[in-house]
Amino acid sequence: DDTLGPVDIYGYTKLHAEHFVRYFHAQNKVRGTIVRLFNVVGPGETNPHLVPAIVEQLAAGTTRLALGNLFPHRDYIDVSDVARGFRALGTSDAFDRGPIISNLGTGRTHSVGEVVEAIAAASGIRIDIQQDPARMRSVDRPMLKASTDKLRQLTGWVPSVSLAESMQRAWDGRFDDGLA
């Protein structure tokens, strides 16, 4: 229910996509569901985000990691929890004068350091972090955390995969993901 305030082109494109869903829902052309995803992690993630960047560097034998901003806290959600969340929302009949709008995250945040520690534990590798200016974002919010109350109320869905388990799955999947 908060006011939306994108800070970059990525955010604006997501907001415009929501406007399209609302429009077509109002025209009775689709049964609209807007899902605001948080940071999806786990096996299969190969975009150059935090977790794949760490896994790829470790798999290449590098233990001194070059990372961008170290201060942000993010709501990391495992891909299997995302799939269950999408299914729960997609089968919900809870439309109230418009499309369903829901966050999909865990409702918990973790720092970059906590993610690195979880991957270190999963891989059994001691990691040294170095900040790389080339990987730093000029616009980076200090904390992004999902409120999952609405999702839980509408569907009964709750996340089931811990950060440690998700990082183990990401590490174990590195060969299938082409990161090793």
Protein backbone atom coordinates (compact mmCIF):
# COMPACT_ATOMS: atom_id res chain seq x y z
CA ASP A 1 0.00 0.00 0.00
CA ASP A 2 3.04 2.29 0.15
CA THR A 3 3.62 4.99 -2.43
CA LEU A 4 5.84 3.68 -5.19
CA GLY A 5 8.99 5.68 -5.87
CA PRO A 6 11.33 4.15 -8.45
CA VAL A 7 14.90 5.46 -8.36
CA ASP A 8 16.19 4.05 -11.66
CA ILE A 9 15.09 2.87 -15.10
CA TYR A 10 14.67 -0.70 -13.85
CA GLY A 11 12.19 0.46 -11.20
CA TYR A 12 10.29 2.62 -13.69
CA THR A 13 9.90 -0.28 -16.13
CA LYS A 14 8.51 -2.45 -13.34
CA LEU A 15 6.04 0.29 -12.37
CA HIS A 16 4.90 0.71 -15.98
CA ALA A 17 4.37 -3.06 -16.24
CA GLU A 18 2.12 -2.85 -13.17
CA HIS A 19 0.09 -0.12 -14.91
CA PHE A 20 -0.43 -2.45 -17.87
CA VAL A 21 -1.63 -5.27 -15.61
CA ARG A 22 -4.07 -2.91 -13.85
CA TYR A 23 -5.36 -1.60 -17.18
CA PHE A 24 -5.98 -5.03 -18.72
CA HIS A 25 -7.45 -6.33 -15.46
CA ALA A 26 -9.91 -3.38 -15.46
CA GLN A 27 -10.83 -4.22 -19.08
CA ASN A 28 -11.63 -7.80 -17.97
CA LYS A 29 -8.98 -9.07 -20.40
CA VAL A 30 -6.82 -10.79 -17.78
CA ARG A 31 -7.10 -11.85 -14.18
CA GLY A 32 -4.23 -9.72 -13.01
CA THR A 33 -1.70 -10.66 -10.39
CA ILE A 34 1.20 -8.32 -9.67
CA VAL A 35 4.08 -9.97 -7.86
CA ARG A 36 6.85 -7.80 -6.47
CA LEU A 37 9.80 -10.17 -6.29
CA PHE A 38 12.69 -9.66 -3.96
CA ASN A 39 16.20 -11.10 -4.49
CA VAL A 40 15.80 -14.58 -5.95
CA VAL A 41 18.72 -16.93 -5.22
CA GLY A 42 19.55 -20.60 -5.42
CA PRO A 43 20.35 -22.98 -8.24
CA GLY A 44 19.75 -21.69 -11.75
CA GLU A 45 20.59 -18.04 -11.00
CA THR A 46 23.24 -17.00 -13.51
CA ASN A 47 22.62 -13.24 -13.86
CA PRO A 48 25.61 -11.24 -12.63
CA HIS A 49 24.16 -10.58 -9.20
CA LEU A 50 25.79 -11.16 -5.83
CA VAL A 51 25.37 -14.92 -5.36
CA PRO A 52 26.33 -16.06 -8.90
CA ALA A 53 29.28 -13.62 -8.87
CA ILE A 54 30.58 -15.17 -5.64
CA VAL A 55 29.98 -18.77 -6.75
CA GLU A 56 31.65 -18.17 -10.12
CA GLN A 57 34.74 -16.57 -8.55
CA LEU A 58 35.08 -19.37 -5.96
CA ALA A 59 34.57 -22.08 -8.58
CA ALA A 60 37.40 -20.51 -10.62
CA GLY A 61 39.71 -20.88 -7.60
CA THR A 62 39.61 -17.26 -6.45
CA THR A 63 39.30 -16.83 -2.68
CA ARG A 64 39.80 -13.05 -2.66
CA LEU A 65 36.42 -11.90 -3.94
CA ALA A 66 35.85 -8.67 -5.82
CA LEU A 67 32.41 -7.39 -4.77
CA GLY A 68 30.52 -4.13 -5.14
CA ASN A 69 28.61 -2.39 -2.34
CA LEU A 70 28.97 -4.24 0.96
CA PHE A 71 26.44 -2.30 3.07
CA PRO A 72 23.06 -3.29 1.58
CA HIS A 73 20.72 -5.69 3.36
CA ARG A 74 18.43 -7.60 1.02
CA ASP A 75 15.55 -10.02 1.32
CA TYR A 76 16.96 -13.14 -0.37
CA ILE A 77 14.40 -15.77 -1.33
CA ASP A 78 15.15 -19.22 -2.72
CA VAL A 79 13.86 -19.99 -6.21
CA SER A 80 11.84 -22.97 -4.94
CA ASP A 81 10.02 -20.71 -2.46
CA VAL A 82 9.38 -18.30 -5.34
CA ALA A 83 7.83 -21.09 -7.42
CA ARG A 84 5.56 -22.07 -4.53
CA GLY A 85 4.64 -18.40 -3.97
CA PHE A 86 3.73 -17.89 -7.63
CA ARG A 87 1.59 -21.01 -7.57
CA ALA A 88 -0.18 -19.90 -4.39
CA LEU A 89 -0.93 -16.47 -5.84
CA GLY A 90 -1.90 -17.83 -9.25
CA THR A 91 -4.51 -20.13 -7.76
CA SER A 92 -5.90 -17.57 -5.30
CA ASP A 93 -9.40 -16.18 -5.76
CA ALA A 94 -8.70 -13.14 -3.59
CA PHE A 95 -9.44 -10.38 -6.13
CA ASP A 96 -10.88 -7.29 -4.51
CA ARG A 97 -11.74 -4.51 -6.98
CA GLY A 98 -8.50 -5.00 -8.88
CA PRO A 99 -5.55 -7.28 -9.44
CA ILE A 100 -3.86 -9.05 -6.58
CA ILE A 101 -0.71 -7.15 -5.62
CA SER A 102 1.73 -8.99 -3.41
CA ASN A 103 5.35 -8.96 -2.36
CA LEU A 104 7.22 -12.22 -2.67
CA GLY A 105 10.15 -12.41 -0.29
CA THR A 106 10.97 -13.91 3.09
CA GLY A 107 10.37 -10.89 5.30
CA ARG A 108 13.97 -11.18 6.56
CA THR A 109 17.10 -9.41 5.38
CA HIS A 110 20.72 -10.48 5.20
CA SER A 111 23.83 -8.39 4.66
CA VAL A 112 26.37 -9.05 1.94
CA GLY A 113 28.66 -10.38 4.68
CA GLU A 114 26.05 -12.90 5.83
CA VAL A 115 25.60 -14.13 2.26
CA VAL A 116 29.37 -14.51 1.86
CA GLU A 117 29.55 -16.44 5.16
CA ALA A 118 26.74 -18.77 4.04
CA ILE A 119 28.47 -19.48 0.73
CA ALA A 120 31.82 -19.98 2.52
CA ALA A 121 30.15 -22.55 4.78
CA ALA A 122 28.52 -24.28 1.81
CA SER A 123 31.75 -24.43 -0.17
CA GLY A 124 34.15 -25.05 2.71
CA ILE A 125 36.33 -22.21 1.40
CA ARG A 126 37.78 -19.34 3.46
CA ILE A 127 36.89 -16.10 1.66
CA ASP A 128 38.54 -12.67 1.68
CA ILE A 129 36.35 -9.78 0.44
CA GLN A 130 37.73 -6.82 -1.55
CA GLN A 131 35.52 -3.96 -2.70
CA ASP A 132 35.71 -3.45 -6.46
CA PRO A 133 34.73 0.09 -7.57
CA ALA A 134 33.75 -1.26 -11.00
CA ARG A 135 31.05 -3.41 -9.36
CA MET A 136 29.66 -0.67 -7.10
CA ARG A 137 26.24 0.80 -7.85
CA SER A 138 25.84 4.55 -7.58
CA VAL A 139 22.20 4.10 -6.53
CA ASP A 140 21.74 1.36 -3.97
CA ARG A 141 19.15 1.36 -1.22
CA PRO A 142 20.54 0.33 2.17
CA MET A 143 17.71 -2.12 2.91
CA LEU A 144 15.02 -3.86 0.88
CA LYS A 145 12.72 -6.11 2.87
CA ALA A 146 9.42 -7.67 1.84
CA SER A 147 6.32 -7.43 3.93
CA THR A 148 4.80 -10.87 3.41
CA ASP A 149 1.74 -10.39 5.63
CA LYS A 150 -0.68 -9.99 2.71
CA LEU A 151 0.70 -13.03 0.88
CA ARG A 152 0.39 -15.14 4.03
CA GLN A 153 -3.17 -13.87 4.68
CA LEU A 154 -4.32 -14.53 1.09
CA THR A 155 -2.70 -17.91 0.56
CA GLY A 156 -1.18 -19.28 3.76
CA TRP A 157 2.21 -19.31 1.99
CA VAL A 158 5.37 -19.01 4.08
CA PRO A 159 8.99 -19.44 2.94
CA SER A 160 10.59 -22.75 3.83
CA VAL A 161 14.20 -22.55 2.56
CA SER A 162 16.80 -20.88 4.80
CA LEU A 163 19.60 -18.71 3.44
CA ALA A 164 22.13 -21.39 4.42
CA GLU A 165 20.18 -24.10 2.56
CA SER A 166 19.73 -21.86 -0.49
CA MET A 167 23.44 -21.04 -0.63
CA GLN A 168 24.24 -24.76 -0.35
CA ARG A 169 21.89 -25.42 -3.27
CA ALA A 170 23.51 -22.60 -5.29
CA TRP A 171 26.99 -23.97 -4.59
CA ASP A 172 25.97 -27.55 -5.40
CA GLY A 173 24.31 -26.37 -8.66
CA ARG A 174 27.35 -24.44 -9.93
CA PHE A 175 28.25 -27.08 -12.56
CA ASP A 176 24.72 -27.29 -13.97
CA ASP A 177 24.55 -23.47 -14.00
CA GLY A 178 27.78 -23.17 -16.00
CA LEU A 179 29.53 -21.28 -13.19
CA ALA A 180 32.31 -23.83 -12.77
